[in-house]
Amino acid sequence: MGETQLHHELFGGRAGICGRHTLTVGTQTVDVEGYPSLLAAMDGHGIPVVADCRAGHCGLCRRRIVSGDVIHGPALACEVKAGECLPCVAIPLTDLELAAPCH
């Protein structure tokens, strides 16, 4: 098989890779460095989160930002209000504290 016939896929947040920051949810604080999204970090550390699409379309993982800043991947298909984030496609720009789910 020639190189032009190979197909590669990478699933994860479209915003990038989390840098050296912490995420606090409730009483749990975890390191998010190296994860492709906040959702992946939450999953990896056993923080309960409801999610379905993992691509910024459904909004089930929506969380209120208590403190800190995030960046989202391009072309979000659902609305994100000021003070909210979609962990499935968000990475922190600072240490971050998220509230319980908004729904």
PDB file of N, CA and C in Angstrom:
ATOM      1  N   MET A   1       0.857  -1.182   0.000  1.00  0.00           N
ATOM      2  CA  MET A   1       0.000   0.000   0.000  1.00  0.00           C
ATOM      3  C   MET A   1       0.895   1.235   0.000  1.00  0.00           C
ATOM      4  N   GLY A   2       0.649   2.121  -0.944  1.00  0.00           N
ATOM      5  CA  GLY A   2       1.447   3.338  -1.028  1.00  0.00           C
ATOM      6  C   GLY A   2       1.063   4.344   0.035  1.00  0.00           C
ATOM      7  N   GLU A   3       1.968   5.271   0.295  1.00  0.00           N
ATOM      8  CA  GLU A   3       1.736   6.274   1.340  1.00  0.00           C
ATOM      9  C   GLU A   3       0.494   7.117   1.060  1.00  0.00           C
ATOM     10  N   THR A   4       0.132   7.328  -0.167  1.00  0.00           N
ATOM     11  CA  THR A   4      -1.041   8.131  -0.497  1.00  0.00           C
ATOM     12  C   THR A   4      -2.341   7.413  -0.188  1.00  0.00           C
ATOM     13  N   GLN A   5      -2.286   6.124   0.113  1.00  0.00           N
ATOM     14  CA  GLN A   5      -3.483   5.359   0.431  1.00  0.00           C
ATOM     15  C   GLN A   5      -3.708   5.221   1.936  1.00  0.00           C
ATOM     16  N   LEU A   6      -2.828   5.782   2.733  1.00  0.00           N
ATOM     17  CA  LEU A   6      -2.972   5.700   4.185  1.00  0.00           C
ATOM     18  C   LEU A   6      -3.918   6.786   4.679  1.00  0.00           C
ATOM     19  N   HIS A   7      -4.701   6.453   5.680  1.00  0.00           N
ATOM     20  CA  HIS A   7      -5.648   7.389   6.275  1.00  0.00           C
ATOM     21  C   HIS A   7      -5.400   7.422   7.777  1.00  0.00           C
ATOM     22  N   HIS A   8      -5.212   8.605   8.333  1.00  0.00           N
ATOM     23  CA  HIS A   8      -4.978   8.757   9.765  1.00  0.00           C
ATOM     24  C   HIS A   8      -6.064   9.640  10.352  1.00  0.00           C
ATOM     25  N   GLU A   9      -6.501   9.330  11.572  1.00  0.00           N
ATOM     26  CA  GLU A   9      -7.461  10.162  12.283  1.00  0.00           C
ATOM     27  C   GLU A   9      -6.970  10.366  13.698  1.00  0.00           C
ATOM     28  N   LEU A  10      -7.267  11.537  14.248  1.00  0.00           N
ATOM     29  CA  LEU A  10      -6.945  11.843  15.634  1.00  0.00           C
ATOM     30  C   LEU A  10      -8.194  12.438  16.256  1.00  0.00           C
ATOM     31  N   PHE A  11      -8.698  11.831  17.312  1.00  0.00           N
ATOM     32  CA  PHE A  11      -9.887  12.325  17.987  1.00  0.00           C
ATOM     33  C   PHE A  11      -9.472  13.029  19.264  1.00  0.00           C
ATOM     34  N   GLY A  12     -10.053  14.158  19.510  1.00  0.00           N
ATOM     35  CA  GLY A  12      -9.754  14.921  20.709  1.00  0.00           C
ATOM     36  C   GLY A  12     -10.233  16.339  20.529  1.00  0.00           C
ATOM     37  N   GLY A  13      -9.924  17.193  21.501  1.00  0.00           N
ATOM     38  CA  GLY A  13     -10.339  18.581  21.422  1.00  0.00           C
ATOM     39  C   GLY A  13      -9.713  19.286  20.232  1.00  0.00           C
ATOM     40  N   ARG A  14     -10.475  20.184  19.639  1.00  0.00           N
ATOM     41  CA  ARG A  14      -9.976  20.900  18.477  1.00  0.00           C
ATOM     42  C   ARG A  14      -9.232  22.164  18.860  1.00  0.00           C
ATOM     43  N   ALA A  15      -9.153  22.473  20.136  1.00  0.00           N
ATOM     44  CA  ALA A  15      -8.496  23.700  20.542  1.00  0.00           C
ATOM     45  C   ALA A  15      -6.983  23.532  20.649  1.00  0.00           C
ATOM     46  N   GLY A  16      -6.487  22.339  20.901  1.00  0.00           N
ATOM     47  CA  GLY A  16      -5.057  22.116  21.067  1.00  0.00           C
ATOM     48  C   GLY A  16      -4.782  21.136  22.188  1.00  0.00           C
ATOM     49  N   ILE A  17      -3.674  21.329  22.878  1.00  0.00           N
ATOM     50  CA  ILE A  17      -3.274  20.473  23.995  1.00  0.00           C
ATOM     51  C   ILE A  17      -3.181  21.350  25.239  1.00  0.00           C
ATOM     52  N   CYS A  18      -3.729  20.879  26.348  1.00  0.00           N
ATOM     53  CA  CYS A  18      -3.708  21.638  27.596  1.00  0.00           C
ATOM     54  C   CYS A  18      -2.276  21.849  28.069  1.00  0.00           C
ATOM     55  N   GLY A  19      -1.999  23.048  28.489  1.00  0.00           N
ATOM     56  CA  GLY A  19      -0.686  23.387  29.039  1.00  0.00           C
ATOM     57  C   GLY A  19      -0.627  23.086  30.532  1.00  0.00           C
ATOM     58  N   ARG A  20       0.350  23.652  31.197  1.00  0.00           N
ATOM     59  CA  ARG A  20       0.589  23.392  32.613  1.00  0.00           C
ATOM     60  C   ARG A  20      -0.352  24.226  33.481  1.00  0.00           C
ATOM     61  N   HIS A  21      -1.559  23.706  33.658  1.00  0.00           N
ATOM     62  CA  HIS A  21      -2.577  24.378  34.461  1.00  0.00           C
ATOM     63  C   HIS A  21      -3.288  23.350  35.336  1.00  0.00           C
ATOM     64  N   THR A  22      -4.018  23.850  36.309  1.00  0.00           N
ATOM     65  CA  THR A  22      -4.838  22.971  37.141  1.00  0.00           C
ATOM     66  C   THR A  22      -6.308  23.229  36.862  1.00  0.00           C
ATOM     67  N   LEU A  23      -7.103  22.214  37.106  1.00  0.00           N
ATOM     68  CA  LEU A  23      -8.554  22.298  36.976  1.00  0.00           C
ATOM     69  C   LEU A  23      -9.146  21.917  38.316  1.00  0.00           C
ATOM     70  N   THR A  24     -10.026  22.758  38.840  1.00  0.00           N
ATOM     71  CA  THR A  24     -10.727  22.473  40.081  1.00  0.00           C
ATOM     72  C   THR A  24     -12.210  22.338  39.781  1.00  0.00           C
ATOM     73  N   VAL A  25     -12.794  21.233  40.226  1.00  0.00           N
ATOM     74  CA  VAL A  25     -14.229  21.002  40.132  1.00  0.00           C
ATOM     75  C   VAL A  25     -14.654  20.508  41.500  1.00  0.00           C
ATOM     76  N   GLY A  26     -15.475  21.312  42.179  1.00  0.00           N
ATOM     77  CA  GLY A  26     -15.842  20.960  43.556  1.00  0.00           C
ATOM     78  C   GLY A  26     -14.608  20.992  44.443  1.00  0.00           C
ATOM     79  N   THR A  27     -14.341  19.878  45.125  1.00  0.00           N
ATOM     80  CA  THR A  27     -13.181  19.809  46.027  1.00  0.00           C
ATOM     81  C   THR A  27     -11.981  19.140  45.365  1.00  0.00           C
ATOM     82  N   GLN A  28     -12.115  18.745  44.099  1.00  0.00           N
ATOM     83  CA  GLN A  28     -11.043  18.030  43.408  1.00  0.00           C
ATOM     84  C   GLN A  28     -10.252  18.971  42.509  1.00  0.00           C
ATOM     85  N   THR A  29      -8.932  18.986  42.672  1.00  0.00           N
ATOM     86  CA  THR A  29      -8.038  19.773  41.827  1.00  0.00           C
ATOM     87  C   THR A  29      -7.080  18.813  41.139  1.00  0.00           C
ATOM     88  N   VAL A  30      -6.987  18.920  39.804  1.00  0.00           N
ATOM     89  CA  VAL A  30      -6.162  18.001  39.029  1.00  0.00           C
ATOM     90  C   VAL A  30      -5.297  18.767  38.037  1.00  0.00           C
ATOM     91  N   ASP A  31      -4.221  18.125  37.599  1.00  0.00           N
ATOM     92  CA  ASP A  31      -3.332  18.654  36.568  1.00  0.00           C
ATOM     93  C   ASP A  31      -3.909  18.293  35.207  1.00  0.00           C
ATOM     94  N   VAL A  32      -3.963  19.249  34.280  1.00  0.00           N
ATOM     95  CA  VAL A  32      -4.531  18.979  32.959  1.00  0.00           C
ATOM     96  C   VAL A  32      -3.477  18.957  31.857  1.00  0.00           C
ATOM     97  N   GLU A  33      -2.222  19.154  32.188  1.00  0.00           N
ATOM     98  CA  GLU A  33      -1.174  19.247  31.182  1.00  0.00           C
ATOM     99  C   GLU A  33      -1.123  18.006  30.287  1.00  0.00           C
ATOM    100  N   GLY A  34      -1.088  18.240  28.974  1.00  0.00           N
ATOM    101  CA  GLY A  34      -0.942  17.166  28.008  1.00  0.00           C
ATOM    102  C   GLY A  34      -2.234  16.556  27.511  1.00  0.00           C
ATOM    103  N   TYR A  35      -3.347  16.879  28.137  1.00  0.00           N
ATOM    104  CA  TYR A  35      -4.639  16.347  27.672  1.00  0.00           C
ATOM    105  C   TYR A  35      -5.118  17.146  26.458  1.00  0.00           C
ATOM    106  N   PRO A  36      -5.842  16.510  25.522  1.00  0.00           N
ATOM    107  CA  PRO A  36      -6.314  17.224  24.331  1.00  0.00           C
ATOM    108  C   PRO A  36      -7.496  18.152  24.596  1.00  0.00           C
ATOM    109  N   SER A  37      -8.145  18.020  25.756  1.00  0.00           N
ATOM    110  CA  SER A  37      -9.283  18.875  26.106  1.00  0.00           C
ATOM    111  C   SER A  37      -9.540  18.766  27.602  1.00  0.00           C
ATOM    112  N   LEU A  38     -10.355  19.688  28.107  1.00  0.00           N
ATOM    113  CA  LEU A  38     -10.760  19.594  29.513  1.00  0.00           C
ATOM    114  C   LEU A  38     -11.566  18.331  29.767  1.00  0.00           C
ATOM    115  N   LEU A  39     -12.398  17.946  28.813  1.00  0.00           N
ATOM    116  CA  LEU A  39     -13.196  16.730  28.975  1.00  0.00           C
ATOM    117  C   LEU A  39     -12.296  15.507  29.120  1.00  0.00           C
ATOM    118  N   ALA A  40     -11.265  15.411  28.313  1.00  0.00           N
ATOM    119  CA  ALA A  40     -10.332  14.284  28.410  1.00  0.00           C
ATOM    120  C   ALA A  40      -9.642  14.279  29.770  1.00  0.00           C
ATOM    121  N   ALA A  41      -9.283  15.463  30.269  1.00  0.00           N
ATOM    122  CA  ALA A  41      -8.657  15.549  31.591  1.00  0.00           C
ATOM    123  C   ALA A  41      -9.634  15.127  32.684  1.00  0.00           C
ATOM    124  N   MET A  42     -10.880  15.573  32.575  1.00  0.00           N
ATOM    125  CA  MET A  42     -11.894  15.199  33.562  1.00  0.00           C
ATOM    126  C   MET A  42     -12.112  13.689  33.549  1.00  0.00           C
ATOM    127  N   ASP A  43     -12.244  13.118  32.355  1.00  0.00           N
ATOM    128  CA  ASP A  43     -12.381  11.660  32.231  1.00  0.00           C
ATOM    129  C   ASP A  43     -11.174  10.947  32.833  1.00  0.00           C
ATOM    130  N   GLY A  44      -9.988  11.435  32.505  1.00  0.00           N
ATOM    131  CA  GLY A  44      -8.753  10.812  32.961  1.00  0.00           C
ATOM    132  C   GLY A  44      -8.558  10.838  34.460  1.00  0.00           C
ATOM    133  N   HIS A  45      -9.168  11.815  35.122  1.00  0.00           N
ATOM    134  CA  HIS A  45      -9.029  11.953  36.578  1.00  0.00           C
ATOM    135  C   HIS A  45     -10.285  11.519  37.326  1.00  0.00           C
ATOM    136  N   GLY A  46     -11.241  10.937  36.623  1.00  0.00           N
ATOM    137  CA  GLY A  46     -12.434  10.415  37.276  1.00  0.00           C
ATOM    138  C   GLY A  46     -13.419  11.466  37.747  1.00  0.00           C
ATOM    139  N   ILE A  47     -13.383  12.655  37.161  1.00  0.00           N
ATOM    140  CA  ILE A  47     -14.348  13.703  37.504  1.00  0.00           C
ATOM    141  C   ILE A  47     -15.616  13.445  36.689  1.00  0.00           C
ATOM    142  N   PRO A  48     -16.749  13.255  37.341  1.00  0.00           N
ATOM    143  CA  PRO A  48     -17.979  12.953  36.610  1.00  0.00           C
ATOM    144  C   PRO A  48     -18.363  14.079  35.635  1.00  0.00           C
ATOM    145  N   VAL A  49     -18.667  13.694  34.415  1.00  0.00           N
ATOM    146  CA  VAL A  49     -19.082  14.656  33.402  1.00  0.00           C
ATOM    147  C   VAL A  49     -19.988  13.939  32.400  1.00  0.00           C
ATOM    148  N   VAL A  50     -21.071  14.599  32.023  1.00  0.00           N
ATOM    149  CA  VAL A  50     -21.975  14.067  31.017  1.00  0.00           C
ATOM    150  C   VAL A  50     -21.516  14.624  29.675  1.00  0.00           C
ATOM    151  N   ALA A  51     -21.317  13.756  28.698  1.00  0.00           N
ATOM    152  CA  ALA A  51     -20.892  14.190  27.370  1.00  0.00           C
ATOM    153  C   ALA A  51     -21.372  13.179  26.347  1.00  0.00           C
ATOM    154  N   ASP A  52     -21.634  13.665  25.144  1.00  0.00           N
ATOM    155  CA  ASP A  52     -22.064  12.762  24.094  1.00  0.00           C
ATOM    156  C   ASP A  52     -21.198  12.915  22.854  1.00  0.00           C
ATOM    157  N   CYS A  53     -21.169  14.085  22.249  1.00  0.00           N
ATOM    158  CA  CYS A  53     -20.523  14.197  20.941  1.00  0.00           C
ATOM    159  C   CYS A  53     -19.006  14.352  21.013  1.00  0.00           C
ATOM    160  N   ARG A  54     -18.477  15.034  22.029  1.00  0.00           N
ATOM    161  CA  ARG A  54     -17.044  15.301  22.178  1.00  0.00           C
ATOM    162  C   ARG A  54     -16.470  16.132  21.036  1.00  0.00           C
ATOM    163  N   ALA A  55     -17.321  16.902  20.374  1.00  0.00           N
ATOM    164  CA  ALA A  55     -16.862  17.722  19.253  1.00  0.00           C
ATOM    165  C   ALA A  55     -17.473  19.122  19.251  1.00  0.00           C
ATOM    166  N   GLY A  56     -18.113  19.539  20.345  1.00  0.00           N
ATOM    167  CA  GLY A  56     -18.667  20.883  20.420  1.00  0.00           C
ATOM    168  C   GLY A  56     -20.007  21.058  19.756  1.00  0.00           C
ATOM    169  N   HIS A  57     -20.754  19.975  19.562  1.00  0.00           N
ATOM    170  CA  HIS A  57     -22.044  20.076  18.883  1.00  0.00           C
ATOM    171  C   HIS A  57     -23.243  19.970  19.817  1.00  0.00           C
ATOM    172  N   CYS A  58     -23.188  19.120  20.840  1.00  0.00           N
ATOM    173  CA  CYS A  58     -24.408  18.827  21.605  1.00  0.00           C
ATOM    174  C   CYS A  58     -24.594  19.721  22.830  1.00  0.00           C
ATOM    175  N   GLY A  59     -23.526  20.156  23.468  1.00  0.00           N
ATOM    176  CA  GLY A  59     -23.630  21.022  24.630  1.00  0.00           C
ATOM    177  C   GLY A  59     -23.895  20.327  25.953  1.00  0.00           C
ATOM    178  N   LEU A  60     -23.953  18.996  25.982  1.00  0.00           N
ATOM    179  CA  LEU A  60     -24.230  18.285  27.233  1.00  0.00           C
ATOM    180  C   LEU A  60     -23.165  18.504  28.303  1.00  0.00           C
ATOM    181  N   CYS A  61     -21.932  18.707  27.895  1.00  0.00           N
ATOM    182  CA  CYS A  61     -20.848  18.854  28.868  1.00  0.00           C
ATOM    183  C   CYS A  61     -20.694  20.292  29.378  1.00  0.00           C
ATOM    184  N   ARG A  62     -21.538  21.196  28.921  1.00  0.00           N
ATOM    185  CA  ARG A  62     -21.457  22.625  29.265  1.00  0.00           C
ATOM    186  C   ARG A  62     -21.254  22.825  30.772  1.00  0.00           C
ATOM    187  N   ARG A  63     -20.299  23.681  31.125  1.00  0.00           N
ATOM    188  CA  ARG A  63     -20.035  24.017  32.525  1.00  0.00           C
ATOM    189  C   ARG A  63     -19.885  25.522  32.681  1.00  0.00           C
ATOM    190  N   ARG A  64     -20.273  26.008  33.853  1.00  0.00           N
ATOM    191  CA  ARG A  64     -20.073  27.420  34.197  1.00  0.00           C
ATOM    192  C   ARG A  64     -18.642  27.586  34.694  1.00  0.00           C
ATOM    193  N   ILE A  65     -17.976  28.627  34.227  1.00  0.00           N
ATOM    194  CA  ILE A  65     -16.620  28.927  34.678  1.00  0.00           C
ATOM    195  C   ILE A  65     -16.709  29.778  35.935  1.00  0.00           C
ATOM    196  N   VAL A  66     -16.168  29.275  37.037  1.00  0.00           N
ATOM    197  CA  VAL A  66     -16.128  30.010  38.296  1.00  0.00           C
ATOM    198  C   VAL A  66     -14.980  31.012  38.262  1.00  0.00           C
ATOM    199  N   SER A  67     -13.815  30.551  37.798  1.00  0.00           N
ATOM    200  CA  SER A  67     -12.663  31.433  37.633  1.00  0.00           C
ATOM    201  C   SER A  67     -11.724  30.845  36.590  1.00  0.00           C
ATOM    202  N   GLY A  68     -11.008  31.733  35.913  1.00  0.00           N
ATOM    203  CA  GLY A  68     -10.064  31.316  34.888  1.00  0.00           C
ATOM    204  C   GLY A  68     -10.596  31.572  33.491  1.00  0.00           C
ATOM    205  N   ASP A  69      -9.753  31.243  32.505  1.00  0.00           N
ATOM    206  CA  ASP A  69     -10.088  31.480  31.105  1.00  0.00           C
ATOM    207  C   ASP A  69      -9.804  30.232  30.271  1.00  0.00           C
ATOM    208  N   VAL A  70     -10.618  30.044  29.234  1.00  0.00           N
ATOM    209  CA  VAL A  70     -10.434  28.929  28.305  1.00  0.00           C
ATOM    210  C   VAL A  70     -10.458  29.442  26.871  1.00  0.00           C
ATOM    211  N   ILE A  71     -10.026  28.589  25.960  1.00  0.00           N
ATOM    212  CA  ILE A  71     -10.180  28.835  24.528  1.00  0.00           C
ATOM    213  C   ILE A  71     -10.874  27.609  23.954  1.00  0.00           C
ATOM    214  N   HIS A  72     -11.785  27.846  23.028  1.00  0.00           N
ATOM    215  CA  HIS A  72     -12.512  26.761  22.368  1.00  0.00           C
ATOM    216  C   HIS A  72     -11.953  26.532  20.978  1.00  0.00           C
ATOM    217  N   GLY A  73     -12.129  25.319  20.487  1.00  0.00           N
ATOM    218  CA  GLY A  73     -11.768  24.996  19.116  1.00  0.00           C
ATOM    219  C   GLY A  73     -12.664  25.761  18.156  1.00  0.00           C
ATOM    220  N   PRO A  74     -12.290  25.793  16.896  1.00  0.00           N
ATOM    221  CA  PRO A  74     -13.071  26.536  15.901  1.00  0.00           C
ATOM    222  C   PRO A  74     -14.401  25.865  15.569  1.00  0.00           C
ATOM    223  N   ALA A  75     -15.298  26.640  15.037  1.00  0.00           N
ATOM    224  CA  ALA A  75     -16.568  26.166  14.478  1.00  0.00           C
ATOM    225  C   ALA A  75     -17.453  25.424  15.472  1.00  0.00           C
ATOM    226  N   LEU A  76     -17.663  26.015  16.650  1.00  0.00           N
ATOM    227  CA  LEU A  76     -18.592  25.414  17.604  1.00  0.00           C
ATOM    228  C   LEU A  76     -19.989  25.425  17.001  1.00  0.00           C
ATOM    229  N   ALA A  77     -20.695  24.328  17.152  1.00  0.00           N
ATOM    230  CA  ALA A  77     -22.037  24.225  16.574  1.00  0.00           C
ATOM    231  C   ALA A  77     -23.127  24.568  17.577  1.00  0.00           C
ATOM    232  N   CYS A  78     -22.786  24.731  18.844  1.00  0.00           N
ATOM    233  CA  CYS A  78     -23.798  25.148  19.819  1.00  0.00           C
ATOM    234  C   CYS A  78     -23.325  26.424  20.506  1.00  0.00           C
ATOM    235  N   GLU A  79     -24.269  27.172  21.001  1.00  0.00           N
ATOM    236  CA  GLU A  79     -23.987  28.467  21.619  1.00  0.00           C
ATOM    237  C   GLU A  79     -23.298  28.292  22.964  1.00  0.00           C
ATOM    238  N   VAL A  80     -22.274  29.112  23.190  1.00  0.00           N
ATOM    239  CA  VAL A  80     -21.586  29.144  24.475  1.00  0.00           C
ATOM    240  C   VAL A  80     -21.662  30.578  24.983  1.00  0.00           C
ATOM    241  N   LYS A  81     -22.357  30.770  26.091  1.00  0.00           N
ATOM    242  CA  LYS A  81     -22.528  32.103  26.659  1.00  0.00           C
ATOM    243  C   LYS A  81     -21.273  32.518  27.417  1.00  0.00           C
ATOM    244  N   ALA A  82     -21.152  33.815  27.664  1.00  0.00           N
ATOM    245  CA  ALA A  82     -20.049  34.324  28.478  1.00  0.00           C
ATOM    246  C   ALA A  82     -20.089  33.639  29.836  1.00  0.00           C
ATOM    247  N   GLY A  83     -18.958  33.216  30.322  1.00  0.00           N
ATOM    248  CA  GLY A  83     -18.892  32.555  31.620  1.00  0.00           C
ATOM    249  C   GLY A  83     -19.168  31.067  31.569  1.00  0.00           C
ATOM    250  N   GLU A  84     -19.270  30.494  30.367  1.00  0.00           N
ATOM    251  CA  GLU A  84     -19.480  29.054  30.195  1.00  0.00           C
ATOM    252  C   GLU A  84     -18.378  28.485  29.308  1.00  0.00           C
ATOM    253  N   CYS A  85     -18.231  27.170  29.349  1.00  0.00           N
ATOM    254  CA  CYS A  85     -17.331  26.499  28.416  1.00  0.00           C
ATOM    255  C   CYS A  85     -17.875  25.126  28.070  1.00  0.00           C
ATOM    256  N   LEU A  86     -17.407  24.596  26.969  1.00  0.00           N
ATOM    257  CA  LEU A  86     -17.684  23.221  26.569  1.00  0.00           C
ATOM    258  C   LEU A  86     -16.383  22.446  26.760  1.00  0.00           C
ATOM    259  N   PRO A  87     -16.245  21.696  27.854  1.00  0.00           N
ATOM    260  CA  PRO A  87     -15.002  20.977  28.119  1.00  0.00           C
ATOM    261  C   PRO A  87     -14.552  20.060  26.993  1.00  0.00           C
ATOM    262  N   CYS A  88     -15.482  19.596  26.155  1.00  0.00           N
ATOM    263  CA  CYS A  88     -15.116  18.678  25.066  1.00  0.00           C
ATOM    264  C   CYS A  88     -14.181  19.312  24.052  1.00  0.00           C
ATOM    265  N   VAL A  89     -14.240  20.631  23.896  1.00  0.00           N
ATOM    266  CA  VAL A  89     -13.396  21.314  22.911  1.00  0.00           C
ATOM    267  C   VAL A  89     -12.689  22.528  23.506  1.00  0.00           C
ATOM    268  N   ALA A  90     -12.533  22.554  24.818  1.00  0.00           N
ATOM    269  CA  ALA A  90     -11.897  23.691  25.483  1.00  0.00           C
ATOM    270  C   ALA A  90     -10.576  23.273  26.118  1.00  0.00           C
ATOM    271  N   ILE A  91      -9.639  24.207  26.105  1.00  0.00           N
ATOM    272  CA  ILE A  91      -8.410  24.039  26.871  1.00  0.00           C
ATOM    273  C   ILE A  91      -8.242  25.296  27.725  1.00  0.00           C
ATOM    274  N   PRO A  92      -7.651  25.158  28.904  1.00  0.00           N
ATOM    275  CA  PRO A  92      -7.489  26.322  29.774  1.00  0.00           C
ATOM    276  C   PRO A  92      -6.330  27.205  29.337  1.00  0.00           C
ATOM    277  N   LEU A  93      -6.509  28.512  29.513  1.00  0.00           N
ATOM    278  CA  LEU A  93      -5.438  29.472  29.304  1.00  0.00           C
ATOM    279  C   LEU A  93      -4.790  29.834  30.634  1.00  0.00           C
ATOM    280  N   THR A  94      -5.487  29.499  31.723  1.00  0.00           N
ATOM    281  CA  THR A  94      -5.037  29.780  33.090  1.00  0.00           C
ATOM    282  C   THR A  94      -5.483  28.606  33.957  1.00  0.00           C
ATOM    283  N   ASP A  95      -5.103  28.620  35.238  1.00  0.00           N
ATOM    284  CA  ASP A  95      -5.730  27.676  36.164  1.00  0.00           C
ATOM    285  C   ASP A  95      -7.221  27.950  36.112  1.00  0.00           C
ATOM    286  N   LEU A  96      -8.017  26.895  36.302  1.00  0.00           N
ATOM    287  CA  LEU A  96      -9.431  27.005  36.015  1.00  0.00           C
ATOM    288  C   LEU A  96     -10.257  26.332  37.110  1.00  0.00           C
ATOM    289  N   GLU A  97     -11.376  26.950  37.458  1.00  0.00           N
ATOM    290  CA  GLU A  97     -12.356  26.322  38.345  1.00  0.00           C
ATOM    291  C   GLU A  97     -13.684  26.278  37.613  1.00  0.00           C
ATOM    292  N   LEU A  98     -14.268  25.071  37.548  1.00  0.00           N
ATOM    293  CA  LEU A  98     -15.563  24.887  36.906  1.00  0.00           C
ATOM    294  C   LEU A  98     -16.607  24.486  37.937  1.00  0.00           C
ATOM    295  N   ALA A  99     -17.841  24.921  37.708  1.00  0.00           N
ATOM    296  CA  ALA A  99     -18.958  24.585  38.571  1.00  0.00           C
ATOM    297  C   ALA A  99     -19.570  23.261  38.114  1.00  0.00           C
ATOM    298  N   ALA A 100     -20.581  22.834  38.837  1.00  0.00           N
ATOM    299  CA  ALA A 100     -21.368  21.659  38.450  1.00  0.00           C
ATOM    300  C   ALA A 100     -22.021  21.936  37.102  1.00  0.00           C
ATOM    301  N   PRO A 101     -22.532  20.905  36.432  1.00  0.00           N
ATOM    302  CA  PRO A 101     -23.168  21.119  35.125  1.00  0.00           C
ATOM    303  C   PRO A 101     -24.239  22.205  35.168  1.00  0.00           C
ATOM    304  N   CYS A 102     -24.368  22.940  34.054  1.00  0.00           N
ATOM    305  CA  CYS A 102     -25.332  24.043  33.947  1.00  0.00           C
ATOM    306  C   CYS A 102     -26.731  23.541  33.664  1.00  0.00           C
ATOM    307  N   HIS A 103     -26.941  22.287  33.317  1.00  0.00           N
ATOM    308  CA  HIS A 103     -28.265  21.795  32.950  1.00  0.00           C
ATOM    309  C   HIS A 103     -28.786  20.807  33.972  1.00  0.00           C
TER     310      HIS A 103
END
